[in-house]
Amino acid sequence: MPTKRPYSSVIVDGVEQAPSRAMLYPVGFKEEDFRKPQIGIASTWSNVTPCNMHINQLADHAASGADEAGGKSVQFNTITVSDGISMGTPGMRYSLVSREVIADSIETVVGAQGFDGFVAIGGCDKNMPACAMAMARLNRPSVFVYGGTIQMGVKRRDIISVFEAVGSRAEGLISAEELKDVEQTAIPGPGSCAGMYTANTMASAIEALGLALPNSSSQEAVSQAKRDESYQAGVAVTRLVEADLKPSDILCRESFENAITLVIALEGSTNAVLHLLAIAHSAGIPLSLDDFSAIGKRVPVLADMRPAGQYAMSELIEIGGIRPLMKILLDEGLLVGDCMTITGHTLAEDLAEVSPYPDSQKIIRSLDNPIKPDSHLVILRGNVAPEGSVAKITGHEGEEFTGTARVFHGEEAGMSAIMDGTVKEGDVVVIRYEGPKGGPGMREMLSPTSALNGRGLAGKVALITDGRFSGGSSGFVVGHVTPEAYEAGPIGLLRDGDKLTINAITKEINVHLNEEELQERRRNWTPPEPYTQRGTLAKYAQLVTSASEGAVTDKYLSN
């Protein structure tokens, strides 16, 4: 039976801690439990969203695993918010903010209660990087569990089908009845969005980091496999406490390179850039936009996954999930195999017995026939984004776009112009004052990009923003433009009619203006009033770093 209790012993041992023990008897502790390692189970359960509606059940399984392995489990909750529900509304400002709130709250509870280890279970986009950030900050034995992907709806629909149907309805391509049918049949039950959107991207990345059990990212939310994995996570973390294997023994420069490599091969979400930068910051490991560029030169896109491709995560699970892909990348020398994982083995050891994909599958391309020979995540710089921006260029859109700026203050104004037909072929839609500080909160532009696609303007219109994109966004889109408009970045100086060029080959984004003109505009620029001057959003705006630094709120502590 595990006996190590490096943190809980301070809380419950000795005469002076009798009040602590007295408080714990009513919540289910027995006298013998005080001699066991305490295992926190951080649950992001909520009926706010389908992504998390089942996680209380997974938390129960994780608690059972910890208890039966000789620990004493204690469940606690943290918040979640739904990107899909709040998308396109003022509420979306809280989405990225919630990542910090969740990480802070897990850190707070685990630190205050003296848990010797913990399991963190996340389902929606922001809970997952938040869980990993808390694991890195606390540096206690811990395991991440992904809540699992959703099954596809009728006619292989998913949430992006609904967003695009809105644009199709505006264009008159479908009827109101057809829109209602899509709306009512796209989401069949629990789980995270079906494609290689941000949730499935980050679940895969966290598994590649070594913080989750093998196959955690490749199970449906409603499957017995996911329930079994949750139980095994409870067992595993109790053993990790005994072995004293912590995130600092697992996370290293090479493990982040592995995560970036897998995200590229899977054609994952641009949000992975933001979140991996933040997790690395929490772990004290230097990581920058340039690392994504360097790795992207040698890693091909192999997965034909939504939104740019055809297949959903549940279909990838049917042929073996991400593990065979990781084995392919390892054998090719694209993954570093000697990185430690929470299994207590190296990544190479974990992958040694993985079977290859069936010959008949069409989801994962071979290395000699990639979808794209290098990364779809393209870091662009230039006089519009001197500190960097992130584009998702899969090749379907082309690799260069020159067009005329159509500038909007905020997402609502841009969305209105797209829906009423103001935006035309050849335009570059500029949606600004949506950055981490200026939004605040860096809203995702899924509604505008989906509306463009639904109106048949994919590849014919580009969109740039100091906000960000959902993993479900596709098209010629560039986000995370820094410096952001609110800090007098060049994106805040653009005007209707300016000529812009986005070039994924030279990795540049430029406005066809000379420096003198930009400086003149900057002298005449005045910042807008802040969105709010009190509460959560105001605090976030004061503390948050730029998107190019991961939009974290605790960097000042290391200065």
Protein backbone atom coordinates (compact mmCIF):
# COMPACT_ATOMS: atom_id res chain seq x y z
CA MET A 1 0.00 0.00 0.00
CA PRO A 2 1.33 3.50 -0.81
CA THR A 3 2.65 5.28 2.24
CA LYS A 4 4.20 8.52 0.99
CA ARG A 5 2.28 11.60 2.13
CA PRO A 6 4.57 14.57 1.52
CA TYR A 7 1.80 17.17 1.61
CA SER A 8 -1.21 15.68 3.41
CA SER A 9 0.88 14.73 6.45
CA VAL A 10 1.32 18.44 7.16
CA ILE A 11 -2.46 18.86 7.09
CA VAL A 12 -3.62 15.86 9.14
CA ASP A 13 -0.76 14.53 11.30
CA GLY A 14 -0.09 15.41 14.94
CA VAL A 15 -2.05 16.66 17.92
CA GLU A 16 -2.14 20.20 16.60
CA GLN A 17 -3.96 19.05 13.44
CA ALA A 18 -6.93 17.57 15.31
CA PRO A 19 -9.19 20.36 14.00
CA SER A 20 -8.27 19.41 10.43
CA ARG A 21 -9.14 15.78 11.05
CA ALA A 22 -12.39 16.80 12.75
CA MET A 23 -13.40 18.67 9.59
CA LEU A 24 -12.65 15.67 7.40
CA TYR A 25 -14.67 13.03 9.25
CA PRO A 26 -18.01 14.50 8.07
CA VAL A 27 -16.92 14.43 4.41
CA GLY A 28 -16.22 10.69 4.49
CA PHE A 29 -12.83 10.17 6.11
CA LYS A 30 -12.26 7.26 8.48
CA GLU A 31 -9.40 7.09 10.96
CA GLU A 32 -7.34 4.85 8.69
CA ASP A 33 -7.70 7.27 5.78
CA PHE A 34 -5.42 9.76 7.49
CA ARG A 35 -2.53 7.35 6.91
CA LYS A 36 -3.18 7.21 3.17
CA PRO A 37 -1.99 9.64 0.48
CA GLN A 38 -4.74 12.08 -0.34
CA ILE A 39 -5.62 12.20 -4.03
CA GLY A 40 -7.56 15.18 -5.36
CA ILE A 41 -9.92 14.59 -8.26
CA ALA A 42 -10.35 17.90 -10.09
CA SER A 43 -13.59 17.65 -12.05
CA THR A 44 -14.74 20.18 -14.62
CA TRP A 45 -18.26 18.71 -14.60
CA SER A 46 -21.04 21.06 -15.60
CA ASN A 47 -24.31 21.05 -17.47
CA VAL A 48 -23.15 24.25 -19.16
CA THR A 49 -21.93 22.28 -22.19
CA PRO A 50 -22.08 18.76 -23.72
CA CYS A 51 -18.29 18.66 -23.52
CA ASN A 52 -18.41 18.35 -19.72
CA MET A 53 -21.85 17.00 -18.89
CA HIS A 54 -20.54 13.48 -18.17
CA ILE A 55 -17.31 14.29 -16.37
CA ASN A 56 -18.81 13.74 -12.90
CA GLN A 57 -19.13 10.08 -13.87
CA LEU A 58 -15.51 9.95 -14.99
CA ALA A 59 -14.49 11.62 -11.71
CA ASP A 60 -16.29 8.86 -9.80
CA HIS A 61 -14.31 6.22 -11.71
CA ALA A 62 -11.04 8.06 -11.08
CA ALA A 63 -11.85 8.29 -7.36
CA SER A 64 -12.58 4.55 -7.23
CA GLY A 65 -9.24 3.81 -8.86
CA ALA A 66 -7.36 5.98 -6.39
CA ASP A 67 -9.16 4.44 -3.40
CA GLU A 68 -8.64 0.87 -4.51
CA ALA A 69 -4.95 1.54 -5.15
CA GLY A 70 -4.49 2.60 -1.53
CA GLY A 71 -5.14 6.32 -1.64
CA LYS A 72 -7.94 8.46 -0.26
CA SER A 73 -9.73 10.37 -3.00
CA VAL A 74 -11.32 13.77 -2.54
CA GLN A 75 -13.38 15.18 -5.39
CA PHE A 76 -13.71 18.88 -6.08
CA ASN A 77 -15.05 20.97 -8.94
CA THR A 78 -13.94 23.92 -10.96
CA ILE A 79 -15.72 25.97 -13.59
CA THR A 80 -16.16 25.60 -17.31
CA VAL A 81 -17.67 27.85 -19.96
CA SER A 82 -18.78 26.87 -23.45
CA ASP A 83 -17.10 28.40 -26.46
CA GLY A 84 -19.72 26.98 -28.80
CA ILE A 85 -22.61 28.53 -26.88
CA SER A 86 -21.01 31.92 -26.21
CA MET A 87 -19.42 32.21 -29.67
CA GLY A 88 -20.18 35.50 -31.41
CA THR A 89 -21.50 37.11 -28.23
CA PRO A 90 -19.98 39.29 -25.49
CA GLY A 91 -19.85 36.16 -23.33
CA MET A 92 -17.06 34.75 -25.47
CA ARG A 93 -14.73 37.28 -23.84
CA TYR A 94 -14.67 34.96 -20.83
CA SER A 95 -13.51 31.90 -22.75
CA LEU A 96 -9.73 32.34 -22.69
CA VAL A 97 -10.04 34.07 -19.31
CA SER A 98 -11.54 30.84 -17.98
CA ARG A 99 -8.28 29.02 -18.72
CA GLU A 100 -6.57 31.16 -16.10
CA VAL A 101 -9.46 30.87 -13.64
CA ILE A 102 -9.48 27.07 -13.93
CA ALA A 103 -5.70 26.75 -13.56
CA ASP A 104 -5.78 29.12 -10.59
CA SER A 105 -8.65 27.26 -8.92
CA ILE A 106 -7.07 23.81 -9.27
CA GLU A 107 -3.79 25.19 -7.93
CA THR A 108 -5.67 26.84 -5.07
CA VAL A 109 -7.57 23.76 -3.94
CA VAL A 110 -4.67 21.31 -4.29
CA GLY A 111 -2.31 23.72 -2.55
CA ALA A 112 -4.70 24.57 0.26
CA GLN A 113 -5.88 21.03 0.97
CA GLY A 114 -2.44 19.44 0.83
CA PHE A 115 -3.25 16.74 -1.71
CA ASP A 116 -0.31 14.43 -2.35
CA GLY A 117 -1.35 13.98 -5.98
CA PHE A 118 -4.31 14.66 -8.20
CA VAL A 119 -6.21 13.70 -11.32
CA ALA A 120 -7.44 16.57 -13.51
CA ILE A 121 -10.30 15.84 -15.91
CA GLY A 122 -11.05 18.31 -18.72
CA GLY A 123 -13.49 18.26 -21.60
CA CYS A 124 -13.93 21.65 -23.26
CA ASP A 125 -11.20 23.67 -24.97
CA LYS A 126 -9.88 25.76 -22.09
CA ASN A 127 -10.16 23.25 -19.24
CA MET A 128 -7.52 21.02 -20.82
CA PRO A 129 -4.60 23.45 -21.07
CA ALA A 130 -5.72 24.84 -17.69
CA CYS A 131 -5.38 21.38 -16.13
CA ALA A 132 -1.91 20.98 -17.63
CA MET A 133 -0.90 24.45 -16.44
CA ALA A 134 -1.99 23.59 -12.89
CA MET A 135 -0.10 20.29 -13.04
CA ALA A 136 3.06 22.11 -14.13
CA ARG A 137 2.71 24.86 -11.51
CA LEU A 138 2.04 22.55 -8.57
CA ASN A 139 4.60 19.93 -9.65
CA ARG A 140 2.93 17.15 -7.70
CA PRO A 141 2.28 13.63 -9.03
CA SER A 142 -0.71 14.09 -11.32
CA VAL A 143 -2.54 12.65 -14.31
CA PHE A 144 -4.65 14.38 -16.93
CA VAL A 145 -7.80 12.67 -18.26
CA TYR A 146 -9.53 13.90 -21.41
CA GLY A 147 -13.31 13.75 -21.23
CA GLY A 148 -13.44 12.32 -24.75
CA THR A 149 -14.76 13.27 -28.15
CA ILE A 150 -18.41 13.49 -29.12
CA GLN A 151 -19.96 11.19 -31.68
CA MET A 152 -21.05 12.68 -34.99
CA GLY A 153 -24.60 13.79 -35.52
CA VAL A 154 -27.01 12.92 -38.32
CA LYS A 155 -25.38 12.97 -41.79
CA ARG A 156 -21.95 13.25 -40.11
CA ARG A 157 -22.83 16.70 -38.78
CA ASP A 158 -21.07 18.51 -35.96
CA ILE A 159 -21.12 21.99 -34.44
CA ILE A 160 -19.29 23.51 -37.40
CA SER A 161 -22.11 22.26 -39.63
CA VAL A 162 -24.44 24.54 -37.66
CA PHE A 163 -22.18 27.61 -37.86
CA GLU A 164 -21.77 27.15 -41.62
CA ALA A 165 -25.50 26.58 -42.06
CA VAL A 166 -26.06 30.08 -40.64
CA GLY A 167 -24.03 31.53 -43.52
CA SER A 168 -25.79 29.29 -46.03
CA ARG A 169 -29.15 30.50 -44.75
CA ALA A 170 -28.05 34.14 -45.12
CA GLU A 171 -26.99 33.39 -48.70
CA GLY A 172 -30.36 31.73 -49.39
CA LEU A 173 -28.73 28.38 -50.08
CA ILE A 174 -30.87 26.56 -47.51
CA SER A 175 -34.31 27.14 -46.04
CA ALA A 176 -35.20 28.01 -42.46
CA GLU A 177 -36.50 24.46 -42.03
CA GLU A 178 -33.21 23.02 -43.25
CA LEU A 179 -31.28 25.22 -40.82
CA LYS A 180 -33.50 24.03 -37.98
CA ASP A 181 -32.89 20.41 -38.96
CA VAL A 182 -29.11 20.94 -38.84
CA GLU A 183 -29.43 22.73 -35.51
CA GLN A 184 -31.40 19.91 -33.92
CA THR A 185 -29.35 16.96 -35.17
CA ALA A 186 -25.70 18.05 -35.03
CA ILE A 187 -24.98 17.39 -31.34
CA PRO A 188 -26.05 13.86 -30.28
CA GLY A 189 -24.78 13.79 -26.70
CA PRO A 190 -21.76 14.16 -24.40
CA GLY A 191 -18.23 14.93 -25.57
CA SER A 192 -16.01 17.55 -27.12
CA CYS A 193 -16.40 18.84 -30.68
CA ALA A 194 -15.99 16.11 -33.25
CA GLY A 195 -13.15 17.24 -35.53
CA MET A 196 -9.50 18.04 -34.95
CA TYR A 197 -10.68 21.23 -33.32
CA THR A 198 -9.08 22.68 -30.20
CA ALA A 199 -10.32 20.05 -27.71
CA ASN A 200 -9.09 17.01 -29.63
CA THR A 201 -5.94 18.90 -30.61
CA MET A 202 -5.05 19.71 -27.01
CA ALA A 203 -5.95 16.24 -25.76
CA SER A 204 -3.50 14.83 -28.30
CA ALA A 205 -0.84 17.40 -27.40
CA ILE A 206 -1.12 16.69 -23.67
CA GLU A 207 -0.80 12.96 -24.34
CA ALA A 208 2.33 13.68 -26.40
CA LEU A 209 3.68 15.77 -23.51
CA GLY A 210 3.49 12.64 -21.37
CA LEU A 211 0.89 13.93 -18.89
CA ALA A 212 -1.92 11.51 -19.84
CA LEU A 213 -2.21 7.75 -20.07
CA PRO A 214 -1.76 6.18 -23.51
CA ASN A 215 -4.86 6.60 -25.71
CA SER A 216 -6.45 9.20 -23.43
CA SER A 217 -7.03 11.46 -26.44
CA SER A 218 -8.48 8.69 -28.62
CA GLN A 219 -11.65 7.56 -26.86
CA GLU A 220 -15.25 8.63 -27.23
CA ALA A 221 -16.83 10.36 -24.25
CA VAL A 222 -19.56 7.74 -23.95
CA SER A 223 -17.28 4.70 -24.29
CA GLN A 224 -16.42 2.05 -21.74
CA ALA A 225 -12.79 2.67 -22.68
CA LYS A 226 -13.05 6.23 -21.33
CA ARG A 227 -14.57 5.04 -18.07
CA ASP A 228 -11.84 2.41 -17.73
CA GLU A 229 -9.13 4.97 -18.42
CA SER A 230 -10.53 7.28 -15.73
CA TYR A 231 -10.33 4.42 -13.21
CA GLN A 232 -6.77 3.64 -14.29
CA ALA A 233 -5.82 7.30 -13.91
CA GLY A 234 -6.79 7.09 -10.23
CA VAL A 235 -4.67 3.97 -9.86
CA ALA A 236 -1.79 5.57 -11.74
CA VAL A 237 -1.63 8.78 -9.73
CA THR A 238 -1.55 6.85 -6.45
CA ARG A 239 1.43 4.91 -7.77
CA LEU A 240 3.04 8.12 -8.98
CA VAL A 241 2.87 9.47 -5.44
CA GLU A 242 4.75 6.42 -4.19
CA ALA A 243 7.32 6.75 -7.00
CA ASP A 244 7.50 10.54 -6.55
CA LEU A 245 7.23 11.01 -10.31
CA LYS A 246 6.24 14.63 -10.94
CA PRO A 247 5.56 16.83 -14.00
CA SER A 248 9.06 18.29 -13.72
CA ASP A 249 10.38 14.76 -14.36
CA ILE A 250 8.28 14.58 -17.52
CA LEU A 251 8.04 18.03 -19.05
CA CYS A 252 11.15 19.19 -20.89
CA ARG A 253 12.09 21.00 -24.06
CA GLU A 254 11.88 17.76 -26.07
CA SER A 255 8.42 16.84 -24.77
CA PHE A 256 7.09 20.19 -26.01
CA GLU A 257 8.75 19.58 -29.36
CA ASN A 258 6.95 16.22 -29.45
CA ALA A 259 3.62 17.92 -28.75
CA ILE A 260 4.17 20.51 -31.49
CA THR A 261 5.17 17.77 -33.93
CA LEU A 262 2.00 15.78 -33.26
CA VAL A 263 -0.22 18.87 -33.53
CA ILE A 264 1.25 19.60 -36.96
CA ALA A 265 0.90 16.02 -38.20
CA LEU A 266 -2.76 16.06 -37.07
CA GLU A 267 -3.46 19.44 -38.72
CA GLY A 268 -4.48 20.72 -35.31
CA SER A 269 -5.90 24.01 -34.08
CA THR A 270 -4.05 27.33 -34.00
CA ASN A 271 -5.05 27.51 -30.33
CA ALA A 272 -2.37 24.88 -29.67
CA VAL A 273 0.22 27.62 -30.19
CA LEU A 274 -1.35 29.79 -27.51
CA HIS A 275 -1.86 26.94 -25.05
CA LEU A 276 1.50 25.18 -25.45
CA LEU A 277 3.24 28.51 -24.87
CA ALA A 278 1.20 28.92 -21.68
CA ILE A 279 1.86 25.39 -20.40
CA ALA A 280 5.58 25.80 -21.11
CA HIS A 281 5.55 29.07 -19.16
CA SER A 282 3.92 27.29 -16.20
CA ALA A 283 6.63 24.62 -16.39
CA GLY A 284 9.43 27.19 -16.63
CA ILE A 285 10.52 25.86 -20.03
CA PRO A 286 11.44 28.43 -22.71
CA LEU A 287 9.22 28.14 -25.80
CA SER A 288 8.53 30.72 -28.52
CA LEU A 289 6.77 31.23 -31.82
CA ASP A 290 10.07 30.59 -33.57
CA ASP A 291 10.07 27.04 -32.23
CA PHE A 292 6.81 26.35 -34.06
CA SER A 293 8.38 27.65 -37.26
CA ALA A 294 11.55 25.61 -36.85
CA ILE A 295 9.70 22.37 -36.13
CA GLY A 296 7.19 23.12 -38.87
CA LYS A 297 9.89 23.02 -41.54
CA ARG A 298 10.50 19.31 -41.01
CA VAL A 299 7.07 17.96 -40.01
CA PRO A 300 4.41 17.18 -42.63
CA VAL A 301 0.63 17.31 -42.26
CA LEU A 302 -0.61 13.72 -42.46
CA ALA A 303 -4.15 13.68 -41.02
CA ASP A 304 -7.13 14.41 -43.27
CA MET A 305 -9.15 15.77 -40.36
CA ARG A 306 -11.92 18.34 -40.05
CA PRO A 307 -12.25 21.28 -40.41
CA ALA A 308 -10.03 21.49 -43.52
CA GLY A 309 -10.23 17.75 -44.15
CA GLN A 310 -12.94 15.11 -44.18
CA TYR A 311 -12.79 12.99 -41.04
CA ALA A 312 -13.89 13.26 -37.42
CA MET A 313 -12.09 12.09 -34.29
CA SER A 314 -14.45 9.16 -33.79
CA GLU A 315 -13.43 7.89 -37.23
CA LEU A 316 -9.75 8.21 -36.34
CA ILE A 317 -10.48 6.24 -33.14
CA GLU A 318 -11.97 3.42 -35.23
CA ILE A 319 -8.64 2.85 -36.98
CA GLY A 320 -6.47 3.09 -33.86
CA GLY A 321 -6.42 6.74 -32.73
CA ILE A 322 -3.25 8.79 -32.55
CA ARG A 323 -0.85 6.12 -31.22
CA PRO A 324 -0.02 4.54 -34.61
CA LEU A 325 0.66 8.04 -35.97
CA MET A 326 2.98 8.71 -33.06
CA LYS A 327 4.79 5.44 -33.82
CA ILE A 328 5.20 6.52 -37.46
CA LEU A 329 6.65 9.85 -36.34
CA LEU A 330 8.92 8.17 -33.80
CA ASP A 331 10.28 5.68 -36.33
CA GLU A 332 10.97 8.55 -38.73
CA GLY A 333 12.96 10.39 -36.04
CA LEU A 334 10.40 13.18 -35.75
CA LEU A 335 9.57 12.42 -32.10
CA VAL A 336 12.08 12.21 -29.26
CA GLY A 337 11.59 8.76 -27.77
CA ASP A 338 13.49 9.02 -24.51
CA CYS A 339 11.08 11.52 -22.91
CA MET A 340 9.52 10.20 -19.69
CA THR A 341 5.73 9.82 -19.39
CA ILE A 342 3.37 9.29 -16.46
CA THR A 343 3.45 5.55 -17.15
CA GLY A 344 6.96 5.54 -15.68
CA HIS A 345 8.28 4.52 -19.09
CA THR A 346 9.70 6.52 -21.96
CA LEU A 347 7.60 7.49 -24.94
CA ALA A 348 9.49 4.98 -27.09
CA GLU A 349 8.76 2.22 -24.58
CA ASP A 350 5.08 3.17 -24.49
CA LEU A 351 4.87 3.00 -28.29
CA ALA A 352 6.91 -0.17 -28.77
CA GLU A 353 3.95 -2.55 -29.11
CA VAL A 354 1.59 -0.21 -30.99
CA SER A 355 0.07 -1.84 -34.07
CA PRO A 356 0.06 0.04 -37.41
CA TYR A 357 -3.05 1.42 -39.05
CA PRO A 358 -4.99 -0.95 -41.32
CA ASP A 359 -3.91 -0.77 -44.96
CA SER A 360 -7.41 0.25 -46.07
CA GLN A 361 -7.62 3.42 -43.99
CA LYS A 362 -7.67 6.84 -45.68
CA ILE A 363 -7.45 9.21 -42.70
CA ILE A 364 -3.70 9.24 -42.07
CA ARG A 365 -1.50 9.72 -45.12
CA SER A 366 1.92 8.11 -45.54
CA LEU A 367 5.05 10.19 -45.10
CA ASP A 368 5.75 10.04 -48.83
CA ASN A 369 2.25 11.32 -49.65
CA PRO A 370 1.50 14.07 -47.12
CA ILE A 371 -1.39 16.49 -47.28
CA LYS A 372 1.22 19.21 -46.89
CA PRO A 373 5.00 18.65 -46.71
CA ASP A 374 5.45 21.16 -43.91
CA SER A 375 3.38 22.75 -41.16
CA HIS A 376 -0.07 24.23 -41.65
CA LEU A 377 0.62 26.44 -38.61
CA VAL A 378 2.49 29.31 -40.20
CA ILE A 379 4.02 32.07 -38.09
CA LEU A 380 3.80 35.31 -40.08
CA ARG A 381 5.61 38.56 -39.41
CA GLY A 382 5.79 41.82 -41.28
CA ASN A 383 4.71 45.42 -40.88
CA VAL A 384 1.21 44.33 -39.82
CA ALA A 385 2.48 41.83 -37.22
CA PRO A 386 6.06 42.70 -36.23
CA GLU A 387 5.85 40.47 -33.14
CA GLY A 388 4.16 37.62 -34.95
CA SER A 389 0.82 36.16 -35.93
CA VAL A 390 -0.50 32.65 -36.51
CA ALA A 391 -2.09 31.45 -39.74
CA LYS A 392 -3.67 28.08 -40.45
CA ILE A 393 -2.71 27.42 -44.07
CA THR A 394 -3.57 23.88 -45.11
CA GLY A 395 -2.95 24.37 -48.82
CA HIS A 396 -6.63 24.24 -49.75
CA GLU A 397 -6.79 28.06 -49.60
CA GLY A 398 -3.68 28.73 -51.66
CA GLU A 399 -0.51 30.17 -50.17
CA GLU A 400 -0.82 33.88 -50.97
CA PHE A 401 -3.63 36.39 -50.79
CA THR A 402 -3.60 40.06 -51.78
CA GLY A 403 -6.71 42.09 -51.21
CA THR A 404 -8.31 45.27 -50.00
CA ALA A 405 -8.80 45.94 -46.30
CA ARG A 406 -12.29 46.18 -44.92
CA VAL A 407 -11.77 47.23 -41.30
CA PHE A 408 -14.08 46.58 -38.34
CA HIS A 409 -13.92 47.47 -34.64
CA GLY A 410 -14.94 44.21 -33.04
CA GLU A 411 -16.45 40.93 -34.16
CA GLU A 412 -20.08 42.06 -34.23
CA ALA A 413 -19.40 44.75 -36.84
CA GLY A 414 -17.44 42.33 -39.01
CA MET A 415 -20.08 39.61 -38.73
CA SER A 416 -22.85 42.04 -39.68
CA ALA A 417 -20.97 43.07 -42.82
CA ILE A 418 -20.42 39.45 -43.80
CA MET A 419 -24.06 38.52 -43.28
CA ASP A 420 -25.51 41.52 -45.14
CA GLY A 421 -23.27 41.02 -48.18
CA THR A 422 -21.04 44.08 -47.63
CA VAL A 423 -17.95 41.84 -47.69
CA LYS A 424 -17.09 40.84 -51.25
CA GLU A 425 -14.62 38.60 -53.01
CA GLY A 426 -11.12 40.08 -52.82
CA ASP A 427 -11.61 41.71 -49.43
CA VAL A 428 -9.35 41.24 -46.43
CA VAL A 429 -11.64 41.47 -43.42
CA VAL A 430 -9.80 43.11 -40.50
CA ILE A 431 -11.42 42.49 -37.11
CA ARG A 432 -9.49 44.30 -34.40
CA TYR A 433 -9.67 45.31 -30.74
CA GLU A 434 -10.25 41.62 -29.97
CA GLY A 435 -6.79 40.91 -28.49
CA PRO A 436 -6.06 39.67 -24.97
CA LYS A 437 -6.12 43.22 -23.55
CA GLY A 438 -8.33 44.99 -26.04
CA GLY A 439 -11.16 42.46 -26.17
CA PRO A 440 -10.47 41.70 -23.48
CA GLY A 441 -10.22 37.93 -23.69
CA MET A 442 -9.23 37.31 -27.32
CA ARG A 443 -12.54 36.07 -28.68
CA GLU A 444 -12.59 33.33 -31.34
CA MET A 445 -13.78 34.33 -34.81
CA LEU A 446 -15.63 31.11 -35.62
CA SER A 447 -18.88 32.86 -36.47
CA PRO A 448 -17.31 35.15 -39.12
CA THR A 449 -15.15 32.42 -40.68
CA SER A 450 -18.05 29.95 -40.78
CA ALA A 451 -20.35 32.61 -42.25
CA LEU A 452 -17.77 33.31 -44.99
CA ASN A 453 -17.58 29.60 -45.79
CA GLY A 454 -21.34 29.24 -45.68
CA ARG A 455 -21.70 32.09 -48.17
CA GLY A 456 -19.28 30.46 -50.57
CA LEU A 457 -16.44 32.92 -49.95
CA ALA A 458 -13.87 30.41 -48.63
CA GLY A 459 -10.53 31.20 -50.28
CA LYS A 460 -12.01 34.30 -51.91
CA VAL A 461 -11.88 36.47 -48.77
CA ALA A 462 -9.13 36.60 -46.14
CA LEU A 463 -9.66 37.51 -42.50
CA ILE A 464 -7.06 38.84 -40.06
CA THR A 465 -7.54 39.63 -36.39
CA ASP A 466 -5.76 40.30 -33.13
CA GLY A 467 -8.27 37.85 -31.71
CA ARG A 468 -8.02 34.14 -32.35
CA PHE A 469 -9.81 31.31 -34.12
CA SER A 470 -11.71 28.25 -33.09
CA GLY A 471 -10.16 24.95 -34.04
CA GLY A 472 -13.20 24.68 -36.30
CA SER A 473 -12.24 27.73 -38.36
CA SER A 474 -10.92 27.24 -41.87
CA GLY A 475 -10.12 29.48 -44.82
CA PHE A 476 -7.43 32.09 -45.42
CA VAL A 477 -7.33 33.35 -41.85
CA VAL A 478 -4.62 34.93 -39.68
CA GLY A 479 -5.01 35.44 -35.94
CA HIS A 480 -2.98 36.35 -32.85
CA VAL A 481 -1.71 39.49 -34.63
CA THR A 482 0.74 41.21 -32.28
CA PRO A 483 1.13 43.85 -31.08
CA GLU A 484 -2.65 44.04 -30.79
CA ALA A 485 -4.66 47.09 -31.80
CA TYR A 486 -5.31 48.14 -28.20
CA GLU A 487 -1.56 48.61 -27.73
CA ALA A 488 -1.19 50.71 -30.89
CA GLY A 489 -0.12 47.72 -32.96
CA PRO A 490 -0.12 48.23 -36.74
CA ILE A 491 -3.41 46.33 -37.09
CA GLY A 492 -4.99 49.25 -35.23
CA LEU A 493 -3.70 51.68 -37.88
CA LEU A 494 -5.22 50.00 -40.93
CA ARG A 495 -7.95 51.75 -42.91
CA ASP A 496 -10.57 50.70 -45.43
CA GLY A 497 -8.98 50.45 -48.85
CA ASP A 498 -5.44 49.62 -47.71
CA LYS A 499 -3.83 46.89 -49.78
CA LEU A 500 -2.70 43.86 -47.80
CA THR A 501 -0.66 40.80 -48.78
CA ILE A 502 -0.50 37.56 -46.82
CA ASN A 503 2.23 35.20 -48.01
CA ALA A 504 2.56 31.78 -46.41
CA ILE A 505 5.69 30.98 -48.41
CA THR A 506 7.73 34.00 -47.30
CA LYS A 507 5.84 33.96 -43.97
CA GLU A 508 4.91 37.62 -44.15
CA ILE A 509 1.84 39.77 -43.64
CA ASN A 510 2.23 43.32 -44.90
CA VAL A 511 0.21 46.39 -45.68
CA HIS A 512 1.39 48.26 -48.76
CA LEU A 513 2.30 51.43 -46.87
CA ASN A 514 5.67 52.95 -46.08
CA GLU A 515 6.90 53.38 -42.52
CA GLU A 516 6.38 57.15 -42.64
CA GLU A 517 2.67 56.71 -43.32
CA LEU A 518 2.33 54.18 -40.51
CA GLN A 519 4.12 56.49 -38.09
CA GLU A 520 1.86 59.37 -39.07
CA ARG A 521 -1.20 57.26 -38.41
CA ARG A 522 0.23 56.15 -35.07
CA ARG A 523 0.68 59.78 -33.99
CA ASN A 524 -3.00 60.38 -34.68
CA TRP A 525 -4.19 57.15 -33.03
CA THR A 526 -6.03 57.23 -29.72
CA PRO A 527 -6.93 54.12 -27.71
CA PRO A 528 -10.59 53.26 -27.23
CA GLU A 529 -12.18 53.15 -23.82
CA PRO A 530 -11.64 49.80 -22.06
CA TYR A 531 -14.49 47.33 -22.28
CA THR A 532 -14.86 47.34 -18.51
CA GLN A 533 -12.97 48.80 -15.56
CA ARG A 534 -13.87 46.29 -12.87
CA GLY A 535 -14.25 42.57 -12.28
CA THR A 536 -12.70 39.52 -13.90
CA LEU A 537 -12.25 40.97 -17.38
CA ALA A 538 -10.65 44.15 -16.07
CA LYS A 539 -8.18 42.19 -13.95
CA TYR A 540 -7.36 39.98 -16.90
CA ALA A 541 -6.74 42.95 -19.19
CA GLN A 542 -4.34 44.43 -16.66
CA LEU A 543 -2.31 41.25 -16.17
CA VAL A 544 -2.36 39.39 -19.48
CA THR A 545 0.65 39.16 -21.78
CA SER A 546 0.47 39.23 -25.57
CA ALA A 547 -0.71 36.27 -27.61
CA SER A 548 2.88 35.72 -28.75
CA GLU A 549 3.72 34.95 -25.12
CA GLY A 550 0.77 32.64 -24.55
CA ALA A 551 -1.63 35.24 -23.06
CA VAL A 552 -0.66 34.24 -19.51
CA THR A 553 -1.48 36.28 -16.42
CA ASP A 554 1.38 35.41 -14.08
CA LYS A 555 4.43 36.42 -16.08
CA TYR A 556 4.99 39.45 -13.85
CA LEU A 557 5.89 37.05 -11.05
CA SER A 558 9.05 36.00 -12.91
CA ASN A 559 10.18 39.52 -13.79
